[in-house]
N, C-alpha and C. Protein backbone atom coordinates (compact mmCIF):
# COMPACT_ATOMS: atom_id res chain seq x y z
N MET A 1 95.05 87.48 116.12
CA MET A 1 96.02 87.83 115.00
C MET A 1 97.28 88.83 115.40
N ARG A 2 98.14 88.99 115.03
CA ARG A 2 99.32 89.49 115.62
C ARG A 2 99.33 91.00 114.69
N VAL A 3 99.69 91.59 114.74
CA VAL A 3 100.07 93.35 113.54
C VAL A 3 101.04 93.40 114.00
N LEU A 4 102.32 93.83 113.54
CA LEU A 4 103.31 94.98 113.31
C LEU A 4 103.18 96.25 112.84
N ALA A 5 103.18 97.43 113.42
CA ALA A 5 102.72 98.20 112.38
C ALA A 5 103.66 99.49 112.70
N ILE A 6 104.01 100.02 110.83
CA ILE A 6 105.26 101.18 111.27
C ILE A 6 104.93 102.46 110.59
N ASP A 7 105.16 103.44 110.59
CA ASP A 7 104.69 104.92 110.37
C ASP A 7 106.09 105.99 109.94
N THR A 8 106.72 105.89 109.33
CA THR A 8 107.44 106.78 109.25
C THR A 8 107.06 107.95 108.44
N ALA A 9 105.44 107.91 108.07
CA ALA A 9 105.31 109.01 106.43
C ALA A 9 105.40 110.81 107.21
N LEU A 10 105.40 110.95 107.62
CA LEU A 10 106.00 112.43 108.88
C LEU A 10 106.90 112.87 109.38
N GLU A 11 106.31 113.26 110.62
CA GLU A 11 107.57 113.98 111.73
C GLU A 11 107.57 113.07 112.86
N ALA A 12 108.21 111.57 113.04
CA ALA A 12 107.92 110.43 113.74
C ALA A 12 108.11 109.05 113.10
N CYS A 13 109.14 108.63 114.05
CA CYS A 13 109.17 107.12 113.84
C CYS A 13 108.40 106.12 114.45
N SER A 14 107.68 105.48 114.14
CA SER A 14 106.61 104.71 115.18
C SER A 14 106.63 103.26 114.71
N ALA A 15 106.43 102.84 116.10
CA ALA A 15 106.38 101.16 115.42
C ALA A 15 104.91 100.90 116.42
N ALA A 16 104.32 100.22 116.39
CA ALA A 16 103.59 99.16 117.26
C ALA A 16 102.78 97.71 117.34
N VAL A 17 102.88 96.98 118.17
CA VAL A 17 102.52 95.68 117.98
C VAL A 17 100.86 95.17 118.41
N LEU A 18 100.02 94.91 117.71
CA LEU A 18 98.92 94.57 118.18
C LEU A 18 98.14 93.01 117.97
N ASP A 19 97.98 92.44 119.52
CA ASP A 19 96.96 91.49 119.00
C ASP A 19 95.85 91.66 119.55
N THR A 20 95.45 90.97 118.26
CA THR A 20 93.14 92.05 118.56
C THR A 20 92.77 90.87 119.54
N GLU A 21 92.92 90.28 119.96
CA GLU A 21 92.49 89.75 120.87
C GLU A 21 93.16 90.08 122.59
N LYS A 22 94.11 90.67 122.44
CA LYS A 22 94.94 90.95 123.36
C LYS A 22 94.89 92.64 124.03
N GLY A 23 95.23 93.07 122.95
CA GLY A 23 95.23 94.89 122.46
C GLY A 23 96.79 94.80 122.09
N VAL A 24 96.81 96.52 122.06
CA VAL A 24 98.14 96.74 121.73
C VAL A 24 99.46 96.60 122.56
N LEU A 25 100.71 95.38 122.30
CA LEU A 25 101.43 95.01 123.39
C LEU A 25 102.96 95.49 123.76
N ALA A 26 102.48 96.55 122.49
CA ALA A 26 103.82 97.48 122.52
C ALA A 26 103.91 98.65 121.87
N SER A 27 103.85 100.08 121.85
CA SER A 27 104.29 101.05 121.39
C SER A 27 105.01 101.67 121.76
N GLU A 28 105.50 102.19 120.50
CA GLU A 28 106.94 103.35 120.87
C GLU A 28 106.68 104.59 119.90
N GLN A 29 106.90 105.98 120.15
CA GLN A 29 107.04 106.93 118.52
C GLN A 29 107.94 108.21 119.02
N LEU A 30 108.73 108.27 118.27
CA LEU A 30 109.94 109.32 118.17
C LEU A 30 109.27 110.33 117.47
N ALA A 31 109.75 111.79 118.02
CA ALA A 31 109.33 112.69 116.99
C ALA A 31 110.93 113.23 116.41
N MET A 32 110.46 113.46 115.05
CA MET A 32 111.86 113.88 114.60
C MET A 32 111.51 113.86 112.66
N ALA A 33 112.10 115.05 112.34
CA ALA A 33 111.70 115.59 110.54
C ALA A 33 112.91 114.43 109.79
N ARG A 34 114.47 113.98 110.18
CA ARG A 34 115.34 113.91 110.04
C ARG A 34 115.38 112.21 110.74
N GLY A 35 116.31 110.63 109.91
CA GLY A 35 116.34 110.03 110.16
C GLY A 35 116.18 108.70 110.83
N HIS A 36 114.55 108.82 109.92
CA HIS A 36 114.17 107.56 110.16
C HIS A 36 114.92 106.12 109.97
N ALA A 37 115.75 106.03 108.52
CA ALA A 37 116.20 105.43 108.38
C ALA A 37 117.24 104.68 109.51
N GLU A 38 117.70 105.73 110.55
CA GLU A 38 118.77 105.36 111.27
C GLU A 38 118.10 104.70 112.73
N ALA A 39 116.59 105.67 112.36
CA ALA A 39 115.72 105.67 113.75
C ALA A 39 115.29 104.26 113.56
N LEU A 40 114.79 103.78 112.67
CA LEU A 40 113.75 102.63 112.41
C LEU A 40 113.54 100.73 112.93
N ILE A 41 115.02 100.59 112.43
CA ILE A 41 115.25 99.56 112.89
C ILE A 41 115.56 99.29 114.17
N PRO A 42 115.79 99.87 115.05
CA PRO A 42 116.31 99.69 116.18
C PRO A 42 115.05 100.21 117.10
N LEU A 43 113.99 100.75 116.24
CA LEU A 43 112.59 101.23 117.08
C LEU A 43 111.67 99.98 116.67
N ILE A 44 111.90 99.46 115.71
CA ILE A 44 111.26 97.84 115.88
C ILE A 44 111.76 96.66 116.25
N ALA A 45 112.79 96.85 116.39
CA ALA A 45 113.77 95.69 117.64
C ALA A 45 113.24 95.75 119.09
N LYS A 46 113.18 96.90 119.41
CA LYS A 46 112.49 97.79 120.43
C LYS A 46 110.82 96.93 120.97
N VAL A 47 110.49 97.38 119.78
CA VAL A 47 109.19 97.09 120.86
C VAL A 47 108.56 95.84 120.20
N MET A 48 109.24 94.89 119.40
CA MET A 48 109.45 93.67 119.11
C MET A 48 109.17 92.94 120.70
N ALA A 49 110.25 93.52 121.45
CA ALA A 49 111.04 92.58 122.47
C ALA A 49 110.41 93.36 123.39
N ALA A 50 109.56 93.98 123.74
CA ALA A 50 108.91 94.82 124.68
C ALA A 50 107.23 94.54 124.71
N ALA A 51 106.99 93.30 123.70
CA ALA A 51 105.74 92.82 122.92
C ALA A 51 105.61 91.11 123.41
N ASP A 52 106.93 91.91 123.43
CA ASP A 52 107.49 89.13 123.06
C ASP A 52 107.25 88.43 122.14
N VAL A 53 107.16 89.01 121.12
CA VAL A 53 106.23 88.04 119.69
C VAL A 53 107.80 88.45 118.48
N PRO A 54 108.00 86.82 118.80
CA PRO A 54 109.04 86.31 117.82
C PRO A 54 108.37 87.32 115.87
N PHE A 55 109.52 87.30 115.66
CA PHE A 55 109.12 88.12 113.98
C PHE A 55 108.10 86.63 113.23
N ALA A 56 108.09 85.34 113.50
CA ALA A 56 107.85 84.19 113.04
C ALA A 56 106.57 83.91 113.36
N ASP A 57 105.70 84.87 114.59
CA ASP A 57 104.71 84.75 115.15
C ASP A 57 103.65 85.67 114.71
N LEU A 58 104.17 86.70 114.22
CA LEU A 58 103.47 87.91 113.37
C LEU A 58 102.31 87.34 111.84
N ASP A 59 101.38 88.09 112.52
CA ASP A 59 100.36 87.37 111.12
C ASP A 59 100.50 88.55 109.86
N ARG A 60 100.69 89.62 110.75
CA ARG A 60 100.76 91.06 108.95
C ARG A 60 101.82 91.89 109.39
N ILE A 61 102.30 92.25 108.45
CA ILE A 61 102.66 94.06 108.94
C ILE A 61 101.64 94.57 108.17
N ALA A 62 101.77 96.12 108.24
CA ALA A 62 101.39 97.25 108.06
C ALA A 62 102.27 98.55 108.24
N VAL A 63 101.66 98.81 107.09
CA VAL A 63 102.81 100.58 106.96
C VAL A 63 101.93 101.69 106.22
N THR A 64 102.15 102.66 106.70
CA THR A 64 101.62 103.69 106.19
C THR A 64 102.52 104.20 104.70
N THR A 65 101.73 104.21 103.47
CA THR A 65 102.38 104.81 102.03
C THR A 65 102.00 105.82 101.92
N GLY A 66 101.94 106.90 102.62
CA GLY A 66 101.18 108.30 101.88
C GLY A 66 100.05 108.82 101.79
N PRO A 67 100.05 110.06 101.39
CA PRO A 67 100.90 110.81 101.38
C PRO A 67 102.24 111.07 102.54
N GLY A 68 103.04 111.74 101.93
CA GLY A 68 103.98 112.64 103.16
C GLY A 68 105.64 112.02 102.49
N SER A 69 106.84 112.70 103.10
CA SER A 69 108.08 112.68 103.00
C SER A 69 108.55 111.90 102.21
N PHE A 70 109.12 112.20 101.08
CA PHE A 70 109.44 111.39 99.90
C PHE A 70 110.42 110.00 100.93
N THR A 71 111.21 110.88 101.02
CA THR A 71 112.36 109.77 101.75
C THR A 71 111.93 109.31 103.17
N GLY A 72 111.05 109.54 103.51
CA GLY A 72 110.26 108.55 105.08
C GLY A 72 109.64 107.52 104.91
N LEU A 73 108.98 108.24 104.05
CA LEU A 73 107.71 106.77 103.52
C LEU A 73 109.26 105.88 102.54
N ARG A 74 109.71 106.13 101.86
CA ARG A 74 110.30 104.64 101.47
C ARG A 74 111.66 104.41 102.38
N VAL A 75 111.79 105.05 103.57
CA VAL A 75 112.24 104.20 104.66
C VAL A 75 111.19 103.10 105.26
N GLY A 76 110.01 103.80 106.09
CA GLY A 76 109.28 102.40 106.41
C GLY A 76 108.33 101.95 105.09
N ILE A 77 108.82 102.31 103.84
CA ILE A 77 107.92 100.53 103.34
C ILE A 77 108.60 99.93 102.88
N SER A 78 109.95 100.28 102.83
CA SER A 78 111.41 99.23 102.82
C SER A 78 111.79 98.33 103.84
N ALA A 79 111.69 98.71 104.89
CA ALA A 79 111.40 98.08 105.88
C ALA A 79 110.21 96.92 106.61
N ALA A 80 109.23 97.25 106.06
CA ALA A 80 107.86 96.37 105.78
C ALA A 80 107.93 95.08 104.70
N ARG A 81 108.63 95.71 103.57
CA ARG A 81 108.83 94.82 102.69
C ARG A 81 109.59 93.51 103.07
N GLY A 82 110.89 94.19 103.89
CA GLY A 82 111.59 93.49 104.40
C GLY A 82 111.60 92.54 105.19
N ILE A 83 110.96 92.69 106.23
CA ILE A 83 110.41 92.19 107.40
C ILE A 83 109.52 91.47 106.73
N ALA A 84 108.63 91.83 106.10
CA ALA A 84 107.54 90.85 105.11
C ALA A 84 108.48 89.19 104.15
N LEU A 85 109.08 89.78 103.29
CA LEU A 85 110.46 88.79 103.00
C LEU A 85 110.60 87.93 103.48
N SER A 86 111.73 88.20 104.68
CA SER A 86 112.56 87.87 105.40
C SER A 86 111.38 86.62 106.50
N SER A 87 109.86 87.09 106.83
CA SER A 87 109.45 86.25 107.82
C SER A 87 107.95 85.62 107.20
N GLY A 88 108.03 85.90 105.48
CA GLY A 88 107.10 85.15 105.22
C GLY A 88 105.79 85.15 105.70
N LYS A 89 105.21 86.73 105.78
CA LYS A 89 103.85 87.43 106.05
C LYS A 89 103.84 88.22 105.30
N PRO A 90 102.49 88.21 105.28
CA PRO A 90 102.30 89.22 104.16
C PRO A 90 102.43 91.02 104.51
N ALA A 91 102.58 91.93 103.84
CA ALA A 91 102.42 93.58 104.13
C ALA A 91 100.99 94.11 103.42
N PHE A 92 100.96 94.68 103.93
CA PHE A 92 99.49 96.02 103.94
C PHE A 92 100.26 97.07 104.05
N GLY A 93 99.88 97.93 102.67
CA GLY A 93 99.38 99.72 103.00
C GLY A 93 98.54 100.31 103.29
N LEU A 94 98.83 100.96 103.97
CA LEU A 94 97.42 102.01 104.55
C LEU A 94 97.92 103.51 104.20
N THR A 95 97.14 104.45 103.39
CA THR A 95 97.43 105.69 103.50
C THR A 95 97.62 106.88 104.95
N THR A 96 98.14 107.71 105.24
CA THR A 96 98.39 107.91 106.08
C THR A 96 96.81 109.29 106.60
N LEU A 97 96.11 109.36 105.43
CA LEU A 97 94.67 110.18 105.39
C LEU A 97 94.29 109.35 106.04
N ALA A 98 93.95 107.75 105.76
CA ALA A 98 93.23 107.26 106.31
C ALA A 98 93.21 106.85 107.65
N ALA A 99 94.82 106.83 108.03
CA ALA A 99 95.23 106.61 109.57
C ALA A 99 95.09 107.38 110.46
N PHE A 100 94.74 108.80 110.14
CA PHE A 100 94.66 110.12 110.71
C PHE A 100 93.01 110.04 111.05
N ALA A 101 92.52 109.39 109.55
CA ALA A 101 90.68 109.85 110.28
C ALA A 101 90.15 108.53 110.54
N ALA A 102 90.56 107.57 110.93
CA ALA A 102 89.84 105.85 111.43
C ALA A 102 89.73 106.37 113.07
N PRO A 103 90.36 107.03 113.86
CA PRO A 103 89.97 107.09 115.23
C PRO A 103 88.88 108.28 115.46
N TYR A 104 89.12 109.06 114.46
CA TYR A 104 86.86 109.94 114.51
C TYR A 104 86.05 109.19 113.83
N ILE A 105 86.71 108.23 112.68
CA ILE A 105 85.72 107.91 112.12
C ILE A 105 84.65 107.00 113.34
N ALA A 106 85.48 106.62 114.12
CA ALA A 106 85.17 104.89 114.62
C ALA A 106 84.81 105.84 116.11
N SER A 107 84.69 107.26 116.35
CA SER A 107 84.26 107.62 117.53
C SER A 107 82.96 108.60 116.96
N ASP A 108 82.76 108.60 116.43
CA ASP A 108 81.66 109.59 115.52
C ASP A 108 81.24 109.24 113.73
N ASP A 109 80.13 108.22 113.44
CA ASP A 109 80.59 108.43 111.38
C ASP A 109 79.37 109.15 111.08
N THR A 110 78.84 109.71 111.60
CA THR A 110 77.80 110.49 111.23
C THR A 110 77.82 112.11 110.52
N LEU A 111 79.16 112.56 111.06
CA LEU A 111 79.65 113.23 110.50
C LEU A 111 80.95 113.17 109.34
N SER A 112 80.85 114.25 108.45
CA SER A 112 81.87 114.25 107.47
C SER A 112 83.05 114.51 108.31
N LEU A 113 84.20 113.87 108.02
CA LEU A 113 85.75 114.65 108.14
C LEU A 113 86.67 115.06 106.22
N ALA A 114 86.77 116.16 107.26
CA ALA A 114 88.09 116.64 105.81
C ALA A 114 89.96 116.54 106.63
N VAL A 115 90.78 115.43 106.20
CA VAL A 115 91.93 115.42 106.68
C VAL A 115 93.42 115.98 105.82
N ALA A 116 93.64 116.55 106.37
CA ALA A 116 94.70 117.40 105.55
C ALA A 116 96.07 117.69 106.27
N ILE A 117 96.84 117.66 105.36
CA ILE A 117 98.25 117.40 105.46
C ILE A 117 99.14 119.11 104.44
N ASP A 118 99.83 119.04 105.76
CA ASP A 118 100.53 120.79 104.77
C ASP A 118 101.36 119.32 103.85
N ALA A 119 101.04 120.46 102.66
CA ALA A 119 101.87 119.68 101.39
C ALA A 119 103.66 121.09 100.95
N ARG A 120 103.55 122.52 101.88
CA ARG A 120 104.08 123.10 101.41
C ARG A 120 103.29 124.04 100.03
N HIS A 121 103.97 125.09 100.09
CA HIS A 121 103.92 126.34 98.88
C HIS A 121 102.29 126.66 98.68
N GLU A 122 101.44 126.32 99.45
CA GLU A 122 100.25 126.96 100.23
C GLU A 122 99.48 125.84 98.89
N HIS A 123 99.78 124.62 99.42
CA HIS A 123 99.00 123.22 99.11
C HIS A 123 99.03 122.21 100.06
N VAL A 124 97.85 121.72 99.97
CA VAL A 124 98.09 120.48 100.94
C VAL A 124 97.47 118.85 100.41
N TYR A 125 97.55 118.08 101.11
CA TYR A 125 96.96 116.79 100.77
C TYR A 125 95.90 116.86 101.33
N LEU A 126 95.14 116.18 100.56
CA LEU A 126 93.00 116.28 101.29
C LEU A 126 92.93 114.79 100.59
N GLN A 127 91.60 114.17 101.69
CA GLN A 127 90.67 113.36 101.47
C GLN A 127 89.29 113.19 102.56
N VAL A 128 88.04 113.97 101.87
CA VAL A 128 87.48 113.75 102.75
C VAL A 128 86.55 112.47 102.86
N PHE A 129 85.87 112.22 104.26
CA PHE A 129 85.21 110.59 104.49
C PHE A 129 83.47 112.04 104.80
N GLY A 130 83.31 110.95 104.17
CA GLY A 130 81.48 111.32 104.95
C GLY A 130 81.10 110.10 105.42
N PRO A 131 79.76 110.15 105.95
CA PRO A 131 78.79 109.57 106.73
C PRO A 131 79.28 107.69 106.69
N GLY A 132 79.36 107.38 108.29
CA GLY A 132 79.73 105.69 107.72
C GLY A 132 81.51 105.79 106.69
N GLY A 133 82.50 106.25 107.01
CA GLY A 133 83.40 106.34 106.65
C GLY A 133 83.44 106.33 105.21
N ARG A 134 82.78 106.82 104.61
CA ARG A 134 82.85 106.26 103.03
C ARG A 134 83.65 107.43 102.35
N THR A 135 84.35 107.71 101.72
CA THR A 135 85.32 108.43 100.41
C THR A 135 84.28 109.49 100.11
N LEU A 136 84.27 110.86 99.98
CA LEU A 136 83.76 111.66 99.56
C LEU A 136 84.52 112.32 98.05
N VAL A 137 85.68 112.54 98.83
CA VAL A 137 86.66 113.06 97.65
C VAL A 137 87.72 112.71 98.21
N ALA A 138 88.54 111.56 97.30
CA ALA A 138 89.71 111.00 97.15
C ALA A 138 91.03 111.59 97.50
N PRO A 139 91.77 110.88 97.89
CA PRO A 139 93.17 111.70 97.93
C PRO A 139 93.70 112.46 96.95
N ARG A 140 94.14 113.53 97.48
CA ARG A 140 94.82 114.49 96.48
C ARG A 140 95.27 115.68 96.80
N ILE A 141 96.52 116.11 95.82
CA ILE A 141 96.99 117.79 96.35
C ILE A 141 95.96 118.73 96.11
N ALA A 142 96.30 119.67 96.80
CA ALA A 142 95.00 120.79 96.08
C ALA A 142 95.90 122.20 96.80
N SER A 143 95.18 123.16 96.08
CA SER A 143 95.50 124.64 97.02
C SER A 143 95.05 124.59 97.75
N LEU A 144 95.59 125.74 98.97
CA LEU A 144 94.69 125.92 100.60
C LEU A 144 93.07 126.03 99.62
N ARG A 145 93.00 127.13 98.28
CA ARG A 145 92.19 128.07 98.73
C ARG A 145 90.80 126.77 97.97
N ASP A 146 91.75 125.80 97.27
CA ASP A 146 90.67 124.94 96.55
C ASP A 146 90.16 123.82 97.88
N ALA A 147 91.03 124.05 98.70
CA ALA A 147 90.55 122.68 99.62
C ALA A 147 89.99 123.02 100.74
N VAL A 148 89.90 124.37 100.88
CA VAL A 148 88.68 125.08 101.88
C VAL A 148 87.79 125.22 101.13
N ARG A 149 87.82 125.62 100.28
CA ARG A 149 86.41 125.05 98.66
C ARG A 149 85.84 123.98 99.40
N ILE A 150 86.81 123.00 99.09
CA ILE A 150 86.25 121.58 98.97
C ILE A 150 85.46 121.40 100.38
N ALA A 151 86.45 121.38 101.01
CA ALA A 151 85.28 120.63 102.37
C ALA A 151 85.24 121.70 102.86
N ALA A 152 84.28 123.34 102.77
CA ALA A 152 83.36 123.81 103.15
C ALA A 152 81.97 122.88 102.84
N ASN A 153 81.84 121.96 102.85
CA ASN A 153 80.51 121.45 102.62
C ASN A 153 79.65 120.97 103.40
N GLY A 154 78.79 121.89 104.31
CA GLY A 154 78.24 121.17 105.01
C GLY A 154 79.07 121.27 106.71
N ARG A 155 78.20 120.85 107.78
CA ARG A 155 78.97 120.14 109.30
C ARG A 155 79.93 119.18 108.90
N THR A 156 81.34 119.68 109.39
CA THR A 156 82.14 118.89 108.68
C THR A 156 83.20 119.15 109.90
N ARG A 157 84.55 117.94 110.16
CA ARG A 157 85.40 118.51 111.10
C ARG A 157 86.98 118.28 110.28
N VAL A 158 87.93 119.01 110.56
CA VAL A 158 88.90 119.06 109.91
C VAL A 158 89.99 118.52 110.77
N VAL A 159 90.93 117.50 110.12
CA VAL A 159 91.64 117.21 111.16
C VAL A 159 92.96 116.90 110.87
N GLY A 160 94.50 117.41 111.19
CA GLY A 160 95.44 116.73 110.23
C GLY A 160 96.41 117.92 110.67
N PRO A 161 97.65 117.50 110.14
CA PRO A 161 98.74 118.20 110.55
C PRO A 161 98.32 119.69 109.68
N ALA A 162 97.64 120.57 108.31
CA ALA A 162 97.05 121.32 108.17
C ALA A 162 95.34 122.31 108.28
N ALA A 163 95.06 121.03 109.10
CA ALA A 163 93.88 121.27 110.16
C ALA A 163 93.53 122.80 110.45
N ARG A 164 94.91 123.79 110.67
CA ARG A 164 94.77 125.16 111.10
C ARG A 164 94.95 125.79 110.36
N MET A 165 95.53 125.26 109.01
CA MET A 165 95.33 125.95 108.03
C MET A 165 94.31 126.08 106.47
N ILE A 166 93.47 125.58 107.06
CA ILE A 166 92.25 125.33 106.67
C ILE A 166 91.49 125.87 107.27
N ALA A 167 91.49 125.62 108.56
CA ALA A 167 90.30 126.81 109.29
C ALA A 167 90.56 128.27 109.37
N THR A 168 92.11 128.64 109.29
CA THR A 168 92.06 129.51 109.06
C THR A 168 91.71 130.95 108.19
N ALA A 169 91.89 129.84 106.92
CA ALA A 169 91.24 130.11 105.58
C ALA A 169 89.66 129.94 105.27
N TRP A 170 88.89 129.60 106.82
CA TRP A 170 87.74 129.09 106.67
C TRP A 170 86.83 130.02 105.81
N PRO A 171 85.71 130.22 105.48
CA PRO A 171 84.99 131.30 104.54
C PRO A 171 84.24 131.69 105.47
N SER A 172 83.88 133.30 105.60
CA SER A 172 82.88 133.44 106.56
C SER A 172 81.26 133.28 106.41
N ASN A 173 81.45 133.13 105.57
CA ASN A 173 79.52 132.82 105.18
C ASN A 173 78.98 130.87 105.55
N GLU A 174 79.98 130.46 105.88
CA GLU A 174 80.18 128.96 105.80
C GLU A 174 79.79 128.15 107.67
N PRO A 175 79.37 127.44 108.03
CA PRO A 175 78.93 127.42 108.97
C PRO A 175 80.71 126.65 109.58
N ARG A 176 80.94 127.05 111.25
CA ARG A 176 82.44 126.58 111.56
C ARG A 176 82.67 124.92 111.70
N PRO A 177 83.80 124.78 110.83
CA PRO A 177 83.95 122.96 111.45
C PRO A 177 83.25 122.78 113.08
N ALA A 178 82.72 121.43 113.16
CA ALA A 178 82.23 120.90 114.14
C ALA A 178 83.26 120.92 115.10
N LEU A 179 84.34 120.09 114.62
CA LEU A 179 86.09 120.40 115.10
C LEU A 179 87.29 120.57 114.33
N VAL A 180 88.30 121.43 114.98
CA VAL A 180 89.38 121.40 114.56
C VAL A 180 90.49 121.02 115.30
N GLU A 181 91.16 120.03 114.72
CA GLU A 181 92.28 119.66 115.47
C GLU A 181 93.16 119.27 114.71
N GLU A 182 94.73 119.55 115.39
CA GLU A 182 95.96 120.11 114.23
C GLU A 182 96.65 118.67 115.49
N LYS A 183 97.37 117.40 114.56
CA LYS A 183 97.72 116.74 115.09
C LYS A 183 99.07 115.85 113.86
N LYS A 184 100.29 116.25 114.09
CA LYS A 184 101.17 115.96 113.20
C LYS A 184 101.25 114.32 112.97
N VAL A 185 101.05 113.49 113.16
CA VAL A 185 101.64 111.91 113.27
C VAL A 185 99.64 111.48 113.19
N PRO A 186 99.80 110.90 112.39
CA PRO A 186 98.69 109.36 112.90
C PRO A 186 99.18 109.06 114.24
N ASP A 187 98.44 108.18 114.83
CA ASP A 187 98.65 107.03 116.01
C ASP A 187 98.51 106.02 115.31
N ILE A 188 99.98 105.74 115.74
CA ILE A 188 100.22 103.93 115.37
C ILE A 188 99.59 103.30 115.87
N THR A 189 98.52 103.67 117.08
CA THR A 189 97.79 102.03 117.14
C THR A 189 96.90 101.65 116.07
N TRP A 190 96.40 103.06 116.16
CA TRP A 190 95.53 102.88 114.84
C TRP A 190 95.89 102.78 113.16
N VAL A 191 97.64 102.03 112.84
CA VAL A 191 97.82 101.93 111.38
C VAL A 191 98.17 100.68 112.06
N ALA A 192 98.18 100.09 113.12
CA ALA A 192 98.53 98.52 112.81
C ALA A 192 96.59 97.99 113.32
N ARG A 193 95.25 99.05 113.64
CA ARG A 193 93.95 98.26 113.77
C ARG A 193 93.62 97.96 112.38
N LEU A 194 94.33 99.21 111.58
CA LEU A 194 93.70 99.04 109.87
C LEU A 194 94.32 98.38 109.46
N GLY A 195 95.43 97.93 109.63
CA GLY A 195 96.53 96.91 108.65
C GLY A 195 95.34 95.24 109.36
N ALA A 196 95.00 94.98 110.56
CA ALA A 196 94.34 93.87 110.90
C ALA A 196 92.96 93.66 110.41
N VAL A 197 92.71 94.84 109.94
CA VAL A 197 91.10 94.61 109.15
C VAL A 197 91.31 95.05 107.61
N ALA A 198 92.86 95.00 106.95
CA ALA A 198 92.81 95.03 105.38
C ALA A 198 92.54 94.14 104.84
N ASN A 199 91.38 94.14 104.02
CA ASN A 199 90.97 93.13 103.14
C ASN A 199 91.85 92.66 101.31
N GLY A 200 91.26 91.24 101.32
CA GLY A 200 91.92 91.20 99.77
C GLY A 200 93.58 91.05 100.32
N GLY A 201 94.11 90.36 99.29
CA GLY A 201 95.88 89.86 99.81
C GLY A 201 96.43 91.06 99.27
N ALA A 202 97.52 90.53 100.45
CA ALA A 202 98.86 91.57 99.98
C ALA A 202 98.87 91.49 98.84
N SER A 203 99.41 93.14 98.21
CA SER A 203 99.74 92.85 96.76
C SER A 203 101.65 93.75 97.31
N THR A 204 102.43 93.97 96.10
CA THR A 204 103.17 95.04 96.19
C THR A 204 103.12 96.59 96.81
N ILE A 205 103.52 96.71 98.14
CA ILE A 205 102.97 98.22 98.75
C ILE A 205 104.03 99.52 97.83
N LYS A 206 103.22 99.91 97.16
CA LYS A 206 103.95 101.17 96.77
C LYS A 206 103.58 102.71 97.55
N PRO A 207 104.37 103.91 97.20
CA PRO A 207 104.35 104.81 98.08
C PRO A 207 103.40 105.76 97.18
N LEU A 208 101.77 106.11 97.86
CA LEU A 208 101.41 107.47 98.14
C LEU A 208 102.04 108.95 97.47
N TYR A 209 102.50 109.39 96.40
CA TYR A 209 103.40 110.71 96.38
C TYR A 209 102.25 111.59 96.51
N LEU A 210 101.52 111.44 95.29
CA LEU A 210 100.49 112.59 94.78
C LEU A 210 101.06 113.97 94.50
N ARG A 211 102.45 113.79 94.53
CA ARG A 211 103.10 114.62 93.95
C ARG A 211 104.67 114.84 93.32
N ALA A 212 104.54 115.59 92.29
CA ALA A 212 106.16 115.19 91.72
C ALA A 212 107.18 115.66 92.94
N PRO A 213 108.38 115.29 93.21
CA PRO A 213 109.39 115.76 94.15
C PRO A 213 110.19 116.81 93.46
N ASP A 214 110.59 118.23 94.84
CA ASP A 214 110.98 119.58 94.71
C ASP A 214 111.83 119.37 93.99
N ALA A 215 113.18 118.34 94.78
CA ALA A 215 114.32 117.85 93.62
C ALA A 215 114.31 117.39 92.45
N GLN A 216 114.80 117.77 91.52
CA GLN A 216 114.71 117.53 89.94
C GLN A 216 116.36 117.41 89.41
N PRO A 217 116.05 116.27 88.53
CA PRO A 217 117.61 115.96 88.28
C PRO A 217 117.83 117.31 87.31
N GLN A 218 118.93 117.99 87.04
CA GLN A 218 119.55 119.11 86.34
C GLN A 218 120.01 118.54 85.04
N SER A 219 119.34 118.35 83.86
CA SER A 219 119.33 118.16 82.18
C SER A 219 120.76 118.71 82.10
N ALA A 220 121.42 120.19 82.54
CA ALA A 220 122.29 120.35 81.91
C ALA A 220 123.45 120.43 82.64
N ALA A 221 123.62 119.65 83.43
CA ALA A 221 124.64 119.01 84.44
C ALA A 221 124.86 117.46 84.15
N ARG A 222 124.11 116.84 83.44
CA ARG A 222 124.65 115.40 83.45
C ARG A 222 125.88 115.61 82.32
N LEU A 223 126.97 114.49 82.29
CA LEU A 223 127.71 114.16 81.64
C LEU A 223 126.63 113.40 80.36
N PRO A 224 128.03 113.41 79.11
CA PRO A 224 127.54 112.72 77.79
C PRO A 224 127.81 111.29 77.68
N ARG A 225 126.98 110.43 77.72
CA ARG A 225 127.62 109.21 77.62
C ARG A 225 128.59 108.78 76.03
N ARG A 226 129.75 108.22 76.53
CA ARG A 226 130.54 107.44 75.73
C ARG A 226 130.14 106.15 74.95
């Protein structure tokens, strides 16, 4: 199976092509806080050329659906939808939280794992995985205080962009996390691997925002309709 993986959810623009029999054929990542829309399509073209795989030979497309940047998510999901439509291949959406968690669960699925992404204003996006990779706490937005209370439940690992935020606020009377690893973006090759094993039929990919946008239309500034 050949999978094109796309990630623009956070501070990078990433793409990879995975062949489940041969491994990762090509992978590229550009660190950026803005500019995903301009960078993504040339990046995908570069990765596809390096992998020497025509779009018609793909079996599926995988894309991160959030939580993350509102604009970044729309860029990646729109690209995945467009490629899926033009190539006639199914597209699968994967949460950013699951993409962060995948390599840690693969290396050791006996310890619980808390994934935290900075949601700003002293809040984080959080998901907690238990032994075997099962979800203990579903994706949610939580205050830093609540996130620490949820995560500090027995011996655990804390990973993701907000991992150090969580570790710094860790209760002194609780065992310290077995691992604290702050990574800004998920490994795009794991997005591809998760896409390869995604179950069920592909459906319409929707962004997982978990919060309302900070920018809201101002009702007072609207012009009256005629």
